[in-house]
Amino acid sequence: MGKMPGWRKFVVCAGGVLVACAGSIDGAPDELISPGDDNHASTIESSAPDASLEVAPVLVLNDGRQVQTAPPSAPAATSFQPGFHQALRTSHSVGATTTFRMKVPVARAGSRLRVTFRSGDGSMTLVRASVAHAGASGELVSAPVPLTFDGGDGFTVAARTRKTSDAVSFPVSFRDELAITFEARGALASSTISAFPGSSSRAGSYAMSTGALGGAVFDHAIGVATVDVEGPTGRAFVAIGDSITEGYIDTKNDTRNAWPALVETALGVPVVNAGVSGQGFYDALMQLDGEVLGLQGVTDCVVLLGTNDLGDKDSVALLQSRMTTMLGRLAPFCRTWVSTLLPKEKSNYAPYEAVKTQRLAFNAWVRDGGAGTDVIDLEAVTRQPADVHLFLDGLEVDGIHPSQEGHRVMADEVSRVLREQGGL
């Protein structure tokens, strides 16, 4: 017999021919060659392969009956999204360096975080800050991790300015309690109501202290506007409203009992709070850039606003116009969900008969799609069947604000709608 011809390096497989990579010319790309192409055949002929030749990657037969390399697993997309937020509308000033320790819940799991601070109605100097896991009695249950700002320990900013820390490695789980401790002086932005039990302040510098801070109770949100957590990218909501959303029930409150936090717990997604007691649409629109549109990674906005606008002349037209303006500004930023206004059993300022008429007209406009198709009808689950202006028994504290049970009922309805219509 004559000399055996050289090997043609191709693998015969189901329904076709695949040229083996091992015979490629160094530096040239692998090519799929037609067996009848003589111009290419000469470049892939050689002697039988040496036994030491490196083996090609394992091939698997997929459902399409094509031989392919096993695809790598794609890592989950990650990003920074808010796990905590508070609209800080008022201002609190301290002349000498004072340490504040805010105890806040964070509604995202992830491996890194960053904290955004906000100044009040004057300049603010932050000297040093840290983050740790919070204990039940004001102490820390993990070592404090220093925060830095553009590589430095602190910063000085002008009035009404947000400043975000550098990202820091700090693993957190959903609804962990964080202690954010910082030394500052000057004007610090603050919340309107007390809603952060377990928070405190003390004169002096204690940002790295691991024990209970001591000092005085300071349960307003102060300085800390937002905590962003880097984790798997998902849905993230912001609630826009007034005292009903901020969580006012009495002189002492807990943001964890407000309806946004209850929805957050029920759905397992962030529902951060941009409610501000006393505000109406005009204030909300004026502050929208700093309190809502400045957030990163928000996908949905829930708007429950307008109670404080009722009673003035032409209020219905103004409510509709300002709601339309707000939704137009939010449209590029988030999917919007609009709630009807809750019952209102009295009015502290405007004529009550005008308040009743205007509230019913605005709610009818919302239900009819005037504010869009994503409607959450919170009036329907909080009103008495026989009187649309009265709360169900036990759901209010003063004829205007929901009780803790009222917040639970509201949260149940918001959660139901978001599950059924929002894909959660």
Protein backbone atom coordinates (compact mmCIF):
# COMPACT_ATOMS: atom_id res chain seq x y z
CA MET A 1 0.00 0.00 0.00
CA GLY A 2 1.16 3.54 -0.64
CA LYS A 3 1.84 6.19 1.95
CA MET A 4 -1.32 7.27 3.84
CA PRO A 5 -2.45 10.81 3.02
CA GLY A 6 -2.12 13.50 5.69
CA TRP A 7 -4.92 14.02 8.25
CA ARG A 8 -7.64 16.51 7.45
CA LYS A 9 -8.54 18.01 10.77
CA PHE A 10 -12.28 18.08 10.93
CA VAL A 11 -14.87 16.45 13.12
CA VAL A 12 -17.91 14.84 11.53
CA CYS A 13 -20.99 15.57 13.56
CA ALA A 14 -24.75 15.32 13.19
CA GLY A 15 -25.78 16.96 9.94
CA GLY A 16 -22.49 18.68 9.06
CA VAL A 17 -18.73 19.11 9.29
CA LEU A 18 -16.81 21.15 11.85
CA VAL A 19 -13.12 21.87 11.24
CA ALA A 20 -11.00 21.25 14.33
CA CYS A 21 -9.19 24.25 15.79
CA ALA A 22 -5.96 22.37 16.52
CA GLY A 23 -4.68 22.61 12.94
CA SER A 24 -5.06 26.39 12.62
CA ILE A 25 -2.12 28.49 11.58
CA ASP A 26 -0.51 30.32 14.50
CA GLY A 27 -1.99 33.79 14.90
CA ALA A 28 -4.79 33.21 12.38
CA PRO A 29 -8.45 33.06 13.39
CA ASP A 30 -10.21 29.72 13.44
CA GLU A 31 -12.47 29.35 10.39
CA LEU A 32 -15.25 27.03 9.42
CA ILE A 33 -14.01 25.53 6.10
CA SER A 34 -16.11 23.88 3.44
CA PRO A 35 -14.70 20.35 2.76
CA GLY A 36 -14.72 21.05 -0.98
CA ASP A 37 -12.71 24.27 -0.82
CA ASP A 38 -9.29 23.26 -2.24
CA ASN A 39 -7.77 26.68 -1.66
CA HIS A 40 -8.09 26.21 2.09
CA ALA A 41 -7.53 22.46 2.29
CA SER A 42 -3.77 22.74 1.77
CA THR A 43 -3.38 25.03 4.76
CA ILE A 44 -4.89 22.56 7.22
CA GLU A 45 -3.23 19.33 6.08
CA SER A 46 -0.37 17.99 8.20
CA SER A 47 1.03 14.83 9.70
CA ALA A 48 -0.96 12.92 12.32
CA PRO A 49 -1.25 14.95 15.53
CA ASP A 50 1.27 14.39 18.27
CA ALA A 51 -0.10 12.64 21.35
CA SER A 52 0.94 15.60 23.49
CA LEU A 53 -1.22 18.07 21.54
CA GLU A 54 -3.44 20.16 23.85
CA VAL A 55 -7.04 18.99 23.81
CA ALA A 56 -9.75 21.43 22.69
CA PRO A 57 -12.50 22.49 25.16
CA VAL A 58 -15.20 19.98 25.92
CA LEU A 59 -18.11 20.13 23.48
CA VAL A 60 -21.74 19.55 24.39
CA LEU A 61 -24.69 18.64 22.20
CA ASN A 62 -27.47 21.16 22.72
CA ASP A 63 -31.16 20.94 21.88
CA GLY A 64 -30.59 22.51 18.46
CA ARG A 65 -28.46 19.49 17.51
CA GLN A 66 -25.45 21.78 17.08
CA VAL A 67 -22.10 21.07 18.69
CA GLN A 68 -21.12 24.07 20.82
CA THR A 69 -18.84 24.92 23.69
CA ALA A 70 -20.64 25.08 27.04
CA PRO A 71 -21.66 28.74 27.58
CA PRO A 72 -20.29 30.46 30.70
CA SER A 73 -22.75 31.55 33.37
CA ALA A 74 -23.45 35.27 33.06
CA PRO A 75 -22.95 37.13 36.35
CA ALA A 76 -25.97 38.98 37.73
CA ALA A 77 -25.97 42.68 36.91
CA THR A 78 -25.21 44.85 39.93
CA SER A 79 -25.64 48.55 40.60
CA PHE A 80 -26.08 51.12 43.34
CA GLN A 81 -29.73 51.68 44.27
CA PRO A 82 -31.21 53.38 47.34
CA GLY A 83 -31.79 51.22 50.39
CA PHE A 84 -32.70 54.19 52.60
CA HIS A 85 -33.76 57.77 51.91
CA GLN A 86 -35.30 60.63 53.82
CA ALA A 87 -36.32 64.03 52.52
CA LEU A 88 -34.68 66.52 54.89
CA ARG A 89 -36.66 69.75 54.61
CA THR A 90 -35.84 71.58 57.84
CA SER A 91 -32.50 72.70 59.31
CA HIS A 92 -30.71 72.10 62.63
CA SER A 93 -27.60 74.06 63.58
CA VAL A 94 -24.78 73.22 66.00
CA GLY A 95 -21.96 75.61 66.79
CA ALA A 96 -19.34 73.19 68.12
CA THR A 97 -18.46 69.77 66.76
CA THR A 98 -21.22 67.33 67.72
CA THR A 99 -21.48 63.60 67.09
CA PHE A 100 -24.77 62.23 65.76
CA ARG A 101 -25.60 58.54 65.52
CA MET A 102 -28.54 57.72 63.26
CA LYS A 103 -30.06 54.26 63.43
CA VAL A 104 -31.65 53.49 60.06
CA PRO A 105 -33.07 50.39 58.35
CA VAL A 106 -31.62 49.58 54.92
CA ALA A 107 -33.75 47.72 52.39
CA ARG A 108 -31.19 46.28 50.01
CA ALA A 109 -28.71 43.45 50.21
CA GLY A 110 -25.25 44.01 48.80
CA SER A 111 -21.53 44.15 49.34
CA ARG A 112 -20.75 47.88 49.18
CA LEU A 113 -22.53 51.06 50.17
CA ARG A 114 -22.19 54.81 50.10
CA VAL A 115 -23.86 57.45 52.25
CA THR A 116 -25.13 60.83 51.07
CA PHE A 117 -25.24 63.71 53.56
CA ARG A 118 -27.12 66.98 53.14
CA SER A 119 -26.52 70.40 54.65
CA GLY A 120 -29.26 72.63 56.02
CA ASP A 121 -29.87 76.33 55.57
CA GLY A 122 -26.20 77.24 55.96
CA SER A 123 -22.76 75.75 55.45
CA MET A 124 -21.94 72.41 57.05
CA THR A 125 -18.63 70.80 57.95
CA LEU A 126 -18.48 67.04 58.44
CA VAL A 127 -15.27 66.11 60.26
CA ARG A 128 -15.43 62.33 60.25
CA ALA A 129 -18.03 59.58 59.72
CA SER A 130 -18.39 55.82 60.06
CA VAL A 131 -20.91 53.06 59.41
CA ALA A 132 -21.56 49.89 61.44
CA HIS A 133 -24.29 47.41 62.22
CA ALA A 134 -26.51 48.79 64.97
CA GLY A 135 -27.32 47.05 68.23
CA ALA A 136 -30.59 47.22 70.13
CA SER A 137 -29.44 49.62 72.84
CA GLY A 138 -27.42 52.19 70.93
CA GLU A 139 -24.18 50.21 70.80
CA LEU A 140 -22.51 48.84 67.66
CA VAL A 141 -22.46 45.12 66.89
CA SER A 142 -19.70 45.40 64.28
CA ALA A 143 -16.54 47.47 64.08
CA PRO A 144 -17.15 50.98 62.71
CA VAL A 145 -15.91 51.36 59.13
CA PRO A 146 -14.67 54.86 58.25
CA LEU A 147 -16.35 56.71 55.38
CA THR A 148 -14.26 58.86 53.07
CA PHE A 149 -15.15 61.69 50.73
CA ASP A 150 -12.99 62.09 47.63
CA GLY A 151 -10.34 60.21 49.61
CA GLY A 152 -10.48 62.49 52.65
CA ASP A 153 -12.03 62.13 56.11
CA GLY A 154 -14.60 64.90 55.74
CA PHE A 155 -15.85 67.90 53.78
CA THR A 156 -17.34 71.38 53.98
CA VAL A 157 -20.28 72.33 51.75
CA ALA A 158 -22.55 75.30 51.25
CA ALA A 159 -26.23 75.43 52.17
CA ARG A 160 -28.61 72.79 50.79
CA THR A 161 -25.88 70.69 49.23
CA ARG A 162 -25.70 66.89 48.95
CA LYS A 163 -22.34 65.16 49.39
CA THR A 164 -21.87 61.44 48.76
CA SER A 165 -19.17 59.31 50.34
CA ASP A 166 -16.81 57.08 48.42
CA ALA A 167 -18.08 53.51 48.08
CA VAL A 168 -16.98 51.33 50.99
CA SER A 169 -16.94 47.56 51.34
CA PHE A 170 -19.67 46.80 53.87
CA PRO A 171 -21.91 43.74 53.33
CA VAL A 172 -25.54 44.22 54.34
CA SER A 173 -28.70 42.13 54.20
CA PHE A 174 -32.26 43.24 53.50
CA ARG A 175 -33.64 45.30 56.42
CA ASP A 176 -30.40 45.36 58.38
CA GLU A 177 -30.19 48.17 60.92
CA LEU A 178 -27.24 50.49 60.36
CA ALA A 179 -25.63 52.97 62.74
CA ILE A 180 -24.27 55.95 60.83
CA THR A 181 -22.15 58.01 63.19
CA PHE A 182 -20.69 61.37 62.18
CA GLU A 183 -19.06 64.44 63.69
CA ALA A 184 -20.33 67.72 62.28
CA ARG A 185 -20.89 71.39 62.91
CA GLY A 186 -22.86 74.09 61.16
CA ALA A 187 -26.30 73.69 59.56
CA LEU A 188 -27.50 70.13 59.00
CA ALA A 189 -30.62 69.21 57.04
CA SER A 190 -33.22 67.53 59.23
CA SER A 191 -36.57 65.77 58.97
CA THR A 192 -39.82 67.45 59.97
CA ILE A 193 -40.97 64.83 62.48
CA SER A 194 -39.32 62.49 64.97
CA ALA A 195 -39.33 58.99 63.46
CA PHE A 196 -35.94 57.40 64.20
CA PRO A 197 -35.93 55.89 67.71
CA GLY A 198 -32.54 54.69 68.86
CA SER A 199 -30.75 57.72 67.39
CA SER A 200 -28.81 60.17 69.55
CA SER A 201 -26.35 63.06 69.69
CA ARG A 202 -23.43 64.03 71.94
CA ALA A 203 -21.13 67.02 72.06
CA GLY A 204 -17.59 66.12 70.98
CA SER A 205 -15.94 63.68 68.59
CA TYR A 206 -17.08 60.04 68.82
CA ALA A 207 -17.46 58.83 65.23
CA MET A 208 -15.35 55.73 65.87
CA SER A 209 -16.80 54.87 69.29
CA THR A 210 -18.12 51.29 69.51
CA GLY A 211 -20.19 51.63 72.67
CA ALA A 212 -23.52 53.37 73.08
CA LEU A 213 -23.06 57.02 72.18
CA GLY A 214 -24.84 58.33 75.25
CA GLY A 215 -25.65 62.01 75.23
CA ALA A 216 -29.18 63.03 74.31
CA VAL A 217 -31.95 61.37 72.33
CA PHE A 218 -32.13 62.86 68.84
CA ASP A 219 -34.73 60.93 66.89
CA HIS A 220 -35.25 63.22 63.91
CA ALA A 221 -33.44 62.20 60.74
CA ILE A 222 -30.46 64.53 60.50
CA GLY A 223 -27.66 64.91 57.99
CA VAL A 224 -28.10 61.47 56.43
CA ALA A 225 -30.22 61.76 53.28
CA THR A 226 -29.58 58.50 51.40
CA VAL A 227 -27.85 55.14 51.73
CA ASP A 228 -27.14 53.48 48.37
CA VAL A 229 -26.26 49.77 48.33
CA GLU A 230 -24.47 47.99 45.51
CA GLY A 231 -26.21 44.70 44.82
CA PRO A 232 -28.22 42.83 42.17
CA THR A 233 -30.14 45.37 40.10
CA GLY A 234 -33.88 45.22 40.72
CA ARG A 235 -36.99 47.26 41.39
CA ALA A 236 -36.62 50.26 43.68
CA PHE A 237 -39.52 52.51 44.71
CA VAL A 238 -39.72 55.99 46.18
CA ALA A 239 -42.87 57.21 47.97
CA ILE A 240 -43.71 60.90 47.48
CA GLY A 241 -46.17 62.48 49.89
CA ASP A 242 -46.87 64.49 53.01
CA SER A 243 -47.12 63.57 56.72
CA ILE A 244 -49.26 60.54 55.86
CA THR A 245 -46.31 59.14 53.90
CA GLU A 246 -43.56 60.39 56.22
CA GLY A 247 -45.27 58.43 58.98
CA TYR A 248 -46.73 60.95 61.40
CA ILE A 249 -49.02 59.34 63.97
CA ASP A 250 -48.11 61.17 67.18
CA THR A 251 -45.31 63.30 68.61
CA LYS A 252 -43.07 60.20 68.67
CA ASN A 253 -43.08 57.98 65.59
CA ASP A 254 -41.09 55.22 63.88
CA THR A 255 -40.37 55.26 60.17
CA ARG A 256 -40.50 51.45 60.26
CA ASN A 257 -44.28 51.67 60.91
CA ALA A 258 -45.03 54.03 58.00
CA TRP A 259 -46.82 52.48 55.03
CA PRO A 260 -43.76 52.69 52.67
CA ALA A 261 -41.65 50.63 55.10
CA LEU A 262 -44.46 48.09 55.53
CA VAL A 263 -44.77 47.71 51.75
CA GLU A 264 -41.01 47.34 51.57
CA THR A 265 -41.07 44.47 54.06
CA ALA A 266 -44.03 42.78 52.37
CA LEU A 267 -42.56 42.90 48.85
CA GLY A 268 -38.86 42.54 49.63
CA VAL A 269 -37.88 45.59 47.58
CA PRO A 270 -36.80 49.10 48.62
CA VAL A 271 -39.63 51.61 49.06
CA VAL A 272 -37.71 54.64 50.29
CA ASN A 273 -39.48 57.58 51.86
CA ALA A 274 -39.59 61.08 50.35
CA GLY A 275 -42.60 62.18 52.36
CA VAL A 276 -42.49 65.59 54.07
CA SER A 277 -45.03 66.59 56.70
CA GLY A 278 -47.08 69.64 55.77
CA GLN A 279 -46.16 69.81 52.11
CA GLY A 280 -48.42 70.15 49.10
CA PHE A 281 -47.77 69.91 45.39
CA TYR A 282 -46.08 73.32 45.14
CA ASP A 283 -43.43 72.44 47.75
CA ALA A 284 -42.94 68.96 46.34
CA LEU A 285 -42.35 70.32 42.84
CA MET A 286 -39.91 72.93 44.12
CA GLN A 287 -37.86 70.27 45.93
CA LEU A 288 -38.24 67.43 43.43
CA ASP A 289 -34.71 67.68 42.02
CA GLY A 290 -32.95 67.44 45.39
CA GLU A 291 -35.30 65.02 47.14
CA VAL A 292 -36.33 62.60 44.37
CA LEU A 293 -34.71 63.09 40.98
CA GLY A 294 -31.24 63.08 42.54
CA LEU A 295 -31.64 59.42 43.53
CA GLN A 296 -29.90 56.77 41.43
CA GLY A 297 -31.52 53.54 40.28
CA VAL A 298 -35.17 54.27 41.15
CA THR A 299 -37.61 52.38 38.91
CA ASP A 300 -41.04 53.30 40.37
CA CYS A 301 -42.61 56.27 42.16
CA VAL A 302 -45.76 56.14 44.31
CA VAL A 303 -47.46 59.53 44.71
CA LEU A 304 -49.93 60.19 47.57
CA LEU A 305 -50.16 63.96 47.65
CA GLY A 306 -52.75 66.72 47.70
CA THR A 307 -54.45 66.60 51.11
CA ASN A 308 -52.75 69.83 52.21
CA ASP A 309 -53.84 71.60 49.01
CA LEU A 310 -57.56 71.13 49.59
CA GLY A 311 -59.83 74.05 50.45
CA ASP A 312 -58.36 76.93 48.48
CA LYS A 313 -60.22 78.51 45.59
CA ASP A 314 -59.77 76.57 42.33
CA SER A 315 -57.95 73.82 44.23
CA VAL A 316 -59.20 71.02 41.96
CA ALA A 317 -57.81 72.70 38.84
CA LEU A 318 -54.53 73.43 40.63
CA LEU A 319 -54.29 69.87 41.94
CA GLN A 320 -54.83 68.43 38.49
CA SER A 321 -52.39 70.85 36.86
CA ARG A 322 -49.65 70.31 39.43
CA MET A 323 -50.10 66.55 39.47
CA THR A 324 -49.79 66.55 35.66
CA THR A 325 -46.63 68.65 35.91
CA MET A 326 -45.15 66.30 38.50
CA LEU A 327 -45.93 63.20 36.47
CA GLY A 328 -44.36 64.80 33.41
CA ARG A 329 -41.15 65.45 35.32
CA LEU A 330 -41.14 61.95 36.78
CA ALA A 331 -41.89 60.19 33.47
CA PRO A 332 -38.25 59.86 32.30
CA PHE A 333 -37.22 58.79 35.82
CA CYS A 334 -39.72 56.15 36.98
CA ARG A 335 -43.01 54.40 36.44
CA THR A 336 -45.61 56.35 38.41
CA TRP A 337 -48.37 55.01 40.66
CA VAL A 338 -50.95 57.56 41.88
CA SER A 339 -53.15 57.13 44.94
CA THR A 340 -56.52 58.62 45.71
CA LEU A 341 -56.66 60.88 48.78
CA LEU A 342 -57.67 59.36 52.12
CA PRO A 343 -60.84 60.39 53.96
CA LYS A 344 -60.59 63.70 55.78
CA GLU A 345 -62.93 64.08 58.73
CA LYS A 346 -62.11 67.70 59.44
CA SER A 347 -60.09 70.66 58.20
CA ASN A 348 -57.78 72.69 60.41
CA TYR A 349 -57.65 75.72 58.11
CA ALA A 350 -59.82 75.73 54.98
CA PRO A 351 -63.64 75.54 54.94
CA TYR A 352 -64.51 71.88 55.48
CA GLU A 353 -67.35 71.79 52.93
CA ALA A 354 -64.94 72.97 50.22
CA VAL A 355 -62.38 70.35 51.33
CA LYS A 356 -64.96 67.55 51.01
CA THR A 357 -66.15 68.63 47.56
CA GLN A 358 -62.66 69.10 46.17
CA ARG A 359 -61.34 65.80 47.55
CA LEU A 360 -64.16 63.86 45.89
CA ALA A 361 -63.61 65.66 42.59
CA PHE A 362 -59.85 65.03 42.63
CA ASN A 363 -60.31 61.34 43.48
CA ALA A 364 -62.83 60.93 40.66
CA TRP A 365 -60.29 62.48 38.26
CA VAL A 366 -57.59 60.07 39.44
CA ARG A 367 -59.89 57.04 39.12
CA ASP A 368 -60.93 58.10 35.63
CA GLY A 369 -57.31 58.05 34.47
CA GLY A 370 -56.61 61.76 34.61
CA ALA A 371 -53.27 61.06 36.31
CA GLY A 372 -52.50 57.88 34.35
CA THR A 373 -53.59 54.27 34.43
CA ASP A 374 -51.55 53.03 37.42
CA VAL A 375 -53.96 53.91 40.22
CA ILE A 376 -53.91 52.75 43.86
CA ASP A 377 -57.28 53.49 45.48
CA LEU A 378 -56.39 53.96 49.14
CA GLU A 379 -59.61 55.84 49.87
CA ALA A 380 -61.56 52.69 49.00
CA VAL A 381 -59.87 50.58 51.71
CA THR A 382 -59.86 53.22 54.47
CA ARG A 383 -63.32 54.83 54.18
CA GLN A 384 -66.53 53.83 55.90
CA PRO A 385 -69.02 52.20 53.50
CA ALA A 386 -71.80 54.59 54.51
CA ASP A 387 -69.74 57.82 54.53
CA VAL A 388 -66.84 58.49 52.14
CA HIS A 389 -65.53 61.27 54.38
CA LEU A 390 -64.98 59.07 57.46
CA PHE A 391 -62.25 56.53 58.18
CA LEU A 392 -63.09 52.99 59.14
CA ASP A 393 -63.03 52.63 62.91
CA GLY A 394 -59.51 52.29 64.26
CA LEU A 395 -57.73 53.51 61.11
CA GLU A 396 -57.15 57.15 62.16
CA VAL A 397 -55.80 59.09 65.12
CA ASP A 398 -57.11 62.62 64.58
CA GLY A 399 -59.50 62.55 61.63
CA ILE A 400 -56.67 63.24 59.16
CA HIS A 401 -53.70 60.96 59.89
CA PRO A 402 -53.86 57.16 59.75
CA SER A 403 -53.18 55.14 62.88
CA GLN A 404 -50.61 52.36 62.89
CA GLU A 405 -53.41 50.00 61.88
CA GLY A 406 -54.34 52.47 59.14
CA HIS A 407 -50.80 52.33 57.79
CA ARG A 408 -51.00 48.53 57.80
CA VAL A 409 -54.24 48.56 55.79
CA MET A 410 -52.76 51.05 53.32
CA ALA A 411 -49.61 48.95 52.96
CA ASP A 412 -51.65 45.81 52.30
CA GLU A 413 -53.50 47.52 49.46
CA VAL A 414 -50.38 49.06 47.93
CA SER A 415 -48.64 45.67 48.09
CA ARG A 416 -51.64 43.94 46.48
CA VAL A 417 -51.77 46.37 43.56
CA LEU A 418 -48.02 46.27 42.97
CA ARG A 419 -48.08 42.46 42.95
CA GLU A 420 -51.05 42.21 40.61
CA GLN A 421 -50.29 45.09 38.26
CA GLY A 422 -46.62 45.80 38.84
CA GLY A 423 -45.17 42.35 38.30
CA LEU A 424 -43.80 41.89 41.83
